[in-house]
Amino acid sequence: MSSNNNDQNFDDESDDEHDFYQLVLAGCAIAATLTSFKEKKPCRTSSHRGYKFVMDVLNDHEIRCFEQFRMEKHVFMNLLETLTKSYGLKEGFDMPLIEVLVIFLTTIDHGLSNRMIQERFQHSSESVSRWFEILLDVVCLMAKDIIKPSDPRFKEVLDKIRNDDRYWPYFKNCIGVIDGTHIPIVVPRDRKIPYIGRKGVTTQNVMAVCDFNMCFTFAWVGWEGAAHDVRVFLEALRRPELGFPHPPRGKYYLVDAGYPQMSGYLGLYKSERYHLPDFRRGSSPKEMHSFPLEKQVKIVIASMALHNFIRINARTDMEFKPYDDDQGLLPLNEEESRVNSLVEEDGSHHTKEMEEHRDRIANLLISH
């Protein structure tokens, strides 16, 4: 009988304990439900809204527009109109397009993070990210139309050459300059090795072609930093789907000494000392924020497209004006750099014609 009573008491205690835990769980569930219905305090509530900032800048002194958006007001408005009318940029429900464009330009030009953009314009992280991606795709669409030669057949001599004693008549048949550059890139750990460039940092190798108006006429971005410039160059020439603007007979590009000497591509004298700072400007591109790899590649293309748009539409490009006006201007940090060949010349590409043409130009420059 005593044993039965003990068993009964044990069962009662177990039931009580079970009921207690059930009660605790129910209380937690109720508390969680009440918390979810509790009014959340809005985060981006400053009276200094992004749209007000944009309009203040656009309606103030012209220099403010250039400093904030890196272009004159009329260029900015022209860009907005071009993206909406020609490339399908459409109004959204959460912010006006004029503010969307400024958010994109501020991210590209000033390198601000998503969090800083949220604070400046008082929008959510989701809105900032979504609109940045939309603008990036639209500007890259414009890049297909704007990163190309203004004269695809290269029949006309650019005014920049014809009207500049430094270039005329020596380079009257030159249609542009080709070189490669490395832009820092953030790469996932398991994909890093191919992107490690010569300086030990992860980069993307970019091949660019520019004309004498300082506009990009071709670009191939996204190559791994370990890829050799010559490999990128030769691949661009061999692949018709890329649309590389090949020089017609009698015309040529200036190329770095590391590229192979071949018909239509005039290289520097090897092991010769050149004043490279005469033609350098600005600083190297800074490391991007941790965007996905594809987006980082698109950002480079978009930046080139915006550069061309400004060069084509600006009345006065304040960044380039000193180099346009003053033929004798040298950057402050003048230095000499020895240019050496990065690869041995391939005899199959070598042409005596280009060497002789280079010698003729050199002799003309010396005689004058």
Protein backbone atom coordinates (compact mmCIF):
# COMPACT_ATOMS: atom_id res chain seq x y z
CA MET A 1 0.00 0.00 0.00
CA SER A 2 2.83 2.38 0.86
CA SER A 3 4.49 1.65 -2.47
CA ASN A 4 1.33 2.56 -4.34
CA ASN A 5 1.08 5.88 -2.48
CA ASN A 6 4.69 6.75 -3.37
CA ASP A 7 4.03 6.04 -7.04
CA GLN A 8 0.93 8.19 -6.91
CA ASN A 9 2.84 11.11 -5.36
CA PHE A 10 5.62 10.81 -7.97
CA ASP A 11 3.09 10.92 -10.80
CA ASP A 12 1.41 13.97 -9.28
CA GLU A 13 4.74 15.79 -9.00
CA SER A 14 5.60 14.95 -12.63
CA ASP A 15 2.25 16.29 -13.79
CA ASP A 16 2.75 19.49 -11.79
CA GLU A 17 6.22 19.98 -13.28
CA HIS A 18 4.90 19.38 -16.79
CA ASP A 19 2.10 21.90 -16.25
CA PHE A 20 4.61 24.44 -14.96
CA TYR A 21 6.81 24.14 -18.07
CA GLN A 22 3.77 24.37 -20.31
CA LEU A 23 2.75 27.55 -18.50
CA VAL A 24 6.25 29.04 -18.95
CA LEU A 25 6.25 28.22 -22.67
CA ALA A 26 2.82 29.75 -23.09
CA GLY A 27 3.98 32.89 -21.31
CA CYS A 28 7.02 33.16 -23.59
CA ALA A 29 4.85 32.77 -26.67
CA ILE A 30 2.48 35.49 -25.47
CA ALA A 31 5.38 37.82 -24.69
CA ALA A 32 6.91 37.24 -28.13
CA THR A 33 3.57 37.95 -29.79
CA LEU A 34 3.06 41.15 -27.84
CA THR A 35 6.61 42.27 -28.64
CA SER A 36 6.04 41.76 -32.35
CA PHE A 37 3.01 44.05 -32.20
CA LYS A 38 4.88 46.68 -30.25
CA GLU A 39 5.36 49.83 -32.30
CA LYS A 40 8.89 50.00 -33.72
CA LYS A 41 10.72 53.28 -33.58
CA PRO A 42 11.51 54.51 -37.12
CA CYS A 43 15.22 54.92 -37.83
CA ARG A 44 15.59 57.31 -40.79
CA THR A 45 13.48 60.22 -39.56
CA SER A 46 15.78 63.22 -39.91
CA SER A 47 14.26 66.38 -41.34
CA HIS A 48 17.32 66.64 -43.59
CA ARG A 49 15.82 64.43 -46.28
CA GLY A 50 17.83 63.37 -49.31
CA TYR A 51 15.57 65.10 -51.83
CA LYS A 52 15.96 68.42 -50.00
CA PHE A 53 19.74 68.00 -50.07
CA VAL A 54 19.67 67.29 -53.82
CA MET A 55 17.55 70.34 -54.61
CA ASP A 56 19.66 72.57 -52.35
CA VAL A 57 22.77 71.58 -54.30
CA LEU A 58 21.16 71.95 -57.73
CA ASN A 59 19.70 75.36 -56.91
CA ASP A 60 22.87 76.73 -55.33
CA HIS A 61 26.24 77.72 -56.79
CA GLU A 62 27.45 75.66 -59.77
CA ILE A 63 30.60 74.64 -57.93
CA ARG A 64 28.53 72.73 -55.34
CA CYS A 65 27.01 70.57 -58.06
CA PHE A 66 30.44 69.77 -59.44
CA GLU A 67 31.88 68.97 -56.02
CA GLN A 68 28.98 66.74 -54.97
CA PHE A 69 27.97 65.10 -58.27
CA ARG A 70 31.25 65.52 -60.22
CA MET A 71 29.53 67.26 -63.13
CA GLU A 72 27.92 70.56 -64.07
CA LYS A 73 24.20 71.01 -63.46
CA HIS A 74 23.24 70.91 -67.14
CA VAL A 75 25.24 67.70 -67.59
CA PHE A 76 23.49 66.16 -64.58
CA MET A 77 20.03 67.04 -65.91
CA ASN A 78 21.01 65.81 -69.37
CA LEU A 79 22.19 62.52 -67.88
CA LEU A 80 18.92 62.05 -66.00
CA GLU A 81 16.92 62.73 -69.17
CA THR A 82 19.09 60.37 -71.23
CA LEU A 83 18.75 57.50 -68.77
CA THR A 84 14.96 57.87 -68.57
CA LYS A 85 14.17 58.48 -72.24
CA SER A 86 16.76 56.27 -73.92
CA TYR A 87 17.56 53.52 -71.42
CA GLY A 88 14.31 52.77 -69.63
CA LEU A 89 14.94 54.21 -66.16
CA LYS A 90 11.51 54.36 -64.53
CA GLU A 91 10.15 56.21 -61.50
CA GLY A 92 9.69 54.20 -58.31
CA PHE A 93 7.27 54.49 -55.41
CA ASP A 94 9.78 55.27 -52.66
CA MET A 95 11.91 58.12 -54.03
CA PRO A 96 12.12 60.47 -57.04
CA LEU A 97 14.52 59.59 -59.87
CA ILE A 98 16.56 62.75 -59.39
CA GLU A 99 17.43 61.54 -55.88
CA VAL A 100 18.05 57.99 -57.15
CA LEU A 101 20.63 59.29 -59.61
CA VAL A 102 22.38 61.32 -56.91
CA ILE A 103 22.56 58.27 -54.63
CA PHE A 104 24.19 56.31 -57.45
CA LEU A 105 26.66 59.09 -58.30
CA THR A 106 27.53 59.66 -54.64
CA THR A 107 28.32 55.97 -54.20
CA ILE A 108 30.40 55.84 -57.39
CA ASP A 109 32.17 59.20 -57.05
CA HIS A 110 32.78 59.43 -53.32
CA GLY A 111 32.91 55.74 -52.44
CA LEU A 112 30.38 56.02 -49.60
CA SER A 113 29.13 52.81 -48.03
CA ASN A 114 25.48 51.76 -48.00
CA ARG A 115 25.20 52.77 -44.34
CA MET A 116 26.57 56.27 -45.01
CA ILE A 117 24.18 56.67 -47.95
CA GLN A 118 21.28 55.64 -45.68
CA GLU A 119 22.19 58.40 -43.24
CA ARG A 120 22.81 61.07 -45.88
CA PHE A 121 19.56 60.43 -47.79
CA GLN A 122 17.39 58.96 -45.01
CA HIS A 123 16.38 55.79 -46.84
CA SER A 124 16.49 52.13 -45.86
CA SER A 125 19.33 49.78 -46.73
CA GLU A 126 17.00 47.82 -49.01
CA SER A 127 15.99 50.91 -50.99
CA VAL A 128 19.57 52.10 -51.39
CA SER A 129 20.80 48.68 -52.57
CA ARG A 130 17.88 48.11 -54.92
CA TRP A 131 18.16 51.48 -56.63
CA PHE A 132 21.94 51.30 -56.88
CA GLU A 133 21.64 47.99 -58.73
CA ILE A 134 18.95 49.37 -61.05
CA LEU A 135 21.06 52.43 -61.92
CA LEU A 136 24.17 50.30 -62.38
CA ASP A 137 22.42 48.14 -64.99
CA VAL A 138 20.98 51.18 -66.78
CA VAL A 139 24.34 53.00 -66.96
CA CYS A 140 26.05 49.81 -68.19
CA LEU A 141 23.40 49.67 -70.91
CA MET A 142 24.36 53.22 -71.89
CA ALA A 143 28.03 52.16 -71.90
CA LYS A 144 27.42 49.99 -74.96
CA ASP A 145 26.49 53.10 -76.93
CA ILE A 146 28.93 55.61 -75.48
CA ILE A 147 32.19 53.64 -75.13
CA LYS A 148 33.05 53.54 -78.81
CA PRO A 149 34.85 55.71 -81.39
CA SER A 150 33.01 58.89 -82.38
CA ASP A 151 34.14 58.17 -85.96
CA PRO A 152 34.03 54.36 -86.39
CA ARG A 153 35.88 54.47 -89.73
CA PHE A 154 38.53 56.89 -88.44
CA LYS A 155 38.28 59.11 -91.52
CA GLU A 156 38.59 62.44 -89.72
CA VAL A 157 41.63 63.72 -87.82
CA LEU A 158 40.59 64.77 -84.32
CA ASP A 159 40.69 68.51 -83.64
CA LYS A 160 42.76 67.75 -80.54
CA ILE A 161 45.55 66.49 -82.81
CA ARG A 162 45.12 69.00 -85.63
CA ASN A 163 45.12 72.00 -83.28
CA ASP A 164 47.94 70.92 -80.97
CA ASP A 165 51.55 71.50 -82.04
CA ARG A 166 52.66 68.66 -79.80
CA TYR A 167 50.78 66.17 -81.97
CA TRP A 168 50.43 67.73 -85.43
CA PRO A 169 51.57 66.58 -87.94
CA TYR A 170 53.54 63.81 -86.22
CA PHE A 171 50.53 61.85 -84.99
CA LYS A 172 47.95 62.77 -87.63
CA ASN A 173 47.28 59.08 -88.33
CA CYS A 174 47.15 58.05 -84.68
CA ILE A 175 43.62 57.10 -83.61
CA GLY A 176 44.17 56.46 -79.92
CA VAL A 177 46.19 54.92 -77.13
CA ILE A 178 45.97 51.42 -75.64
CA ASP A 179 47.13 50.38 -72.19
CA GLY A 180 46.23 48.11 -69.32
CA THR A 181 45.65 48.97 -65.70
CA HIS A 182 44.93 47.09 -62.49
CA ILE A 183 41.97 48.06 -60.30
CA PRO A 184 41.70 46.65 -56.76
CA ILE A 185 38.90 44.12 -56.35
CA VAL A 186 37.40 42.23 -53.40
CA VAL A 187 37.36 38.50 -54.18
CA PRO A 188 35.99 35.52 -52.20
CA ARG A 189 38.76 33.58 -50.46
CA ASP A 190 38.33 30.47 -52.63
CA ARG A 191 38.76 32.52 -55.84
CA LYS A 192 41.60 34.81 -54.77
CA ILE A 193 44.71 33.25 -56.33
CA PRO A 194 44.04 34.08 -60.03
CA TYR A 195 43.28 37.70 -59.07
CA ILE A 196 46.53 38.35 -57.21
CA GLY A 197 48.47 40.83 -59.36
CA ARG A 198 52.13 41.79 -59.54
CA LYS A 199 51.99 43.82 -56.30
CA GLY A 200 50.49 40.97 -54.30
CA VAL A 201 46.97 42.42 -54.02
CA THR A 202 43.80 41.18 -55.69
CA THR A 203 43.00 43.20 -58.80
CA GLN A 204 41.07 43.02 -62.02
CA ASN A 205 43.11 43.63 -65.16
CA VAL A 206 41.46 46.23 -67.39
CA MET A 207 42.40 46.96 -70.98
CA ALA A 208 41.33 50.42 -72.14
CA VAL A 209 41.53 52.33 -75.41
CA CYS A 210 41.32 56.14 -75.36
CA ASP A 211 41.25 58.76 -78.10
CA PHE A 212 42.94 62.16 -77.99
CA ASN A 213 39.77 63.76 -76.63
CA MET A 214 40.37 61.63 -73.52
CA CYS A 215 37.29 59.48 -74.12
CA PHE A 216 37.25 55.71 -73.81
CA THR A 217 36.60 54.04 -77.17
CA PHE A 218 36.92 50.43 -75.98
CA ALA A 219 37.23 48.65 -72.64
CA TRP A 220 37.55 45.06 -71.54
CA VAL A 221 37.22 44.63 -67.80
CA GLY A 222 37.09 41.78 -65.31
CA TRP A 223 40.24 39.86 -66.23
CA GLU A 224 42.07 38.23 -63.32
CA GLY A 225 44.93 40.31 -61.94
CA ALA A 226 47.42 37.54 -62.74
CA ALA A 227 46.56 37.70 -66.45
CA HIS A 228 49.28 39.32 -68.57
CA ASP A 229 48.44 42.56 -70.37
CA VAL A 230 49.60 41.08 -73.68
CA ARG A 231 47.27 38.11 -73.32
CA VAL A 232 44.30 40.42 -72.73
CA PHE A 233 45.37 42.60 -75.68
CA LEU A 234 45.74 39.72 -78.15
CA GLU A 235 42.47 38.13 -77.03
CA ALA A 236 40.67 41.44 -77.63
CA LEU A 237 42.07 41.57 -81.17
CA ARG A 238 41.16 37.95 -81.93
CA ARG A 239 37.56 37.90 -80.72
CA PRO A 240 35.16 39.66 -83.13
CA GLU A 241 32.23 39.49 -80.69
CA LEU A 242 33.98 42.07 -78.49
CA GLY A 243 33.74 44.72 -81.19
CA PHE A 244 37.32 45.97 -80.85
CA PRO A 245 37.77 49.02 -83.15
CA HIS A 246 40.61 47.78 -85.37
CA PRO A 247 42.70 50.47 -87.09
CA PRO A 248 42.20 50.76 -90.86
CA ARG A 249 45.26 50.61 -93.09
CA GLY A 250 47.48 53.64 -92.59
CA LYS A 251 46.12 54.35 -89.10
CA TYR A 252 47.53 53.11 -85.82
CA TYR A 253 47.26 53.06 -82.03
CA LEU A 254 50.05 54.00 -79.63
CA VAL A 255 50.72 51.09 -77.28
CA ASP A 256 52.89 50.41 -74.25
CA ALA A 257 56.36 48.97 -74.81
CA GLY A 258 55.21 45.69 -73.30
CA TYR A 259 52.82 45.04 -76.18
CA PRO A 260 54.03 43.30 -79.36
CA GLN A 261 55.03 45.60 -82.22
CA MET A 262 52.68 44.88 -85.11
CA SER A 263 51.03 46.62 -88.02
CA GLY A 264 48.58 49.23 -86.73
CA TYR A 265 50.10 49.31 -83.23
CA LEU A 266 53.06 51.59 -82.60
CA GLY A 267 55.05 50.83 -79.44
CA LEU A 268 57.53 52.89 -77.45
CA TYR A 269 61.27 52.43 -77.83
CA LYS A 270 62.29 49.71 -75.43
CA SER A 271 64.71 50.50 -72.58
CA GLU A 272 64.23 54.21 -73.28
CA ARG A 273 63.53 56.72 -70.54
CA TYR A 274 60.18 58.49 -70.85
CA HIS A 275 58.61 61.26 -68.79
CA LEU A 276 55.48 59.29 -67.97
CA PRO A 277 54.12 61.90 -65.53
CA ASP A 278 53.62 64.19 -68.53
CA PHE A 279 50.64 62.04 -69.38
CA ARG A 280 49.49 60.88 -65.97
CA ARG A 281 46.83 62.53 -63.89
CA GLY A 282 44.83 61.82 -60.78
CA SER A 283 45.34 59.02 -58.31
CA SER A 284 44.95 55.30 -58.64
CA PRO A 285 41.45 53.85 -58.15
CA LYS A 286 40.78 53.03 -54.52
CA GLU A 287 39.59 49.64 -53.29
CA MET A 288 35.89 49.06 -53.79
CA HIS A 289 33.45 48.19 -51.07
CA SER A 290 32.65 44.51 -50.76
CA PHE A 291 30.21 44.24 -53.65
CA PRO A 292 29.74 40.89 -55.41
CA LEU A 293 32.42 40.25 -58.04
CA GLU A 294 30.16 40.83 -61.05
CA LYS A 295 28.95 44.12 -59.60
CA GLN A 296 32.53 45.35 -59.09
CA VAL A 297 33.22 44.68 -62.77
CA LYS A 298 30.07 46.58 -63.76
CA ILE A 299 31.11 49.53 -61.60
CA VAL A 300 34.29 49.96 -63.67
CA ILE A 301 32.29 49.97 -66.92
CA ALA A 302 29.73 52.39 -65.46
CA SER A 303 32.49 54.75 -64.32
CA MET A 304 33.97 54.77 -67.83
CA ALA A 305 30.55 55.47 -69.34
CA LEU A 306 29.96 58.39 -66.96
CA HIS A 307 33.42 59.75 -67.75
CA ASN A 308 32.62 59.74 -71.48
CA PHE A 309 29.21 61.31 -70.93
CA ILE A 310 30.79 64.17 -69.01
CA ARG A 311 33.58 64.68 -71.59
CA ILE A 312 31.03 64.79 -74.41
CA ASN A 313 28.48 67.06 -72.73
CA ALA A 314 30.42 69.34 -70.39
CA ARG A 315 31.06 72.93 -71.38
CA THR A 316 34.15 72.95 -69.20
CA ASP A 317 35.48 69.81 -67.57
CA MET A 318 37.17 71.29 -64.52
CA GLU A 319 39.10 68.08 -63.82
CA PHE A 320 40.66 68.08 -67.30
CA LYS A 321 40.78 71.82 -68.07
CA PRO A 322 44.40 72.33 -66.90
CA TYR A 323 45.55 69.56 -69.23
CA ASP A 324 43.47 70.87 -72.12
CA ASP A 325 44.69 74.46 -71.79
CA ASP A 326 48.32 74.38 -70.71
CA GLN A 327 50.63 72.52 -73.07
CA GLY A 328 53.55 72.88 -70.70
CA LEU A 329 51.81 71.71 -67.56
CA LEU A 330 53.56 68.96 -65.62
CA PRO A 331 52.14 67.29 -62.51
CA LEU A 332 53.86 68.25 -59.27
CA ASN A 333 55.37 64.84 -58.55
CA GLU A 334 57.59 64.59 -61.61
CA GLU A 335 59.63 61.45 -61.90
CA GLU A 336 61.21 59.42 -64.62
CA SER A 337 60.23 55.84 -65.17
CA ARG A 338 62.07 53.24 -67.19
CA VAL A 339 59.79 51.41 -69.56
CA ASN A 340 60.95 47.89 -70.31
CA SER A 341 59.39 45.13 -72.33
CA LEU A 342 57.33 42.72 -70.27
CA VAL A 343 57.56 39.95 -72.85
CA GLU A 344 59.81 39.05 -75.72
CA GLU A 345 58.49 40.23 -79.06
CA ASP A 346 56.79 37.59 -81.14
CA GLY A 347 58.40 37.59 -84.57
CA SER A 348 55.09 36.74 -86.21
CA HIS A 349 53.69 40.11 -85.07
CA HIS A 350 56.77 42.18 -85.63
CA THR A 351 56.63 44.59 -88.58
CA LYS A 352 59.49 46.67 -89.89
CA GLU A 353 56.93 49.13 -91.22
CA MET A 354 55.93 50.28 -87.72
CA GLU A 355 59.55 50.58 -86.56
CA GLU A 356 60.38 52.77 -89.56
CA HIS A 357 57.30 54.91 -88.90
CA ARG A 358 58.35 55.33 -85.27
CA ASP A 359 61.83 56.41 -86.39
CA ARG A 360 60.37 58.99 -88.78
CA ILE A 361 58.26 60.52 -86.00
CA ALA A 362 61.27 60.60 -83.65
CA ASN A 363 63.43 62.33 -86.27
CA LEU A 364 60.74 64.92 -86.98
CA LEU A 365 60.35 65.67 -83.27
CA ILE A 366 64.11 66.04 -82.83
CA SER A 367 64.44 68.34 -85.84
CA HIS A 368 61.73 70.63 -84.49
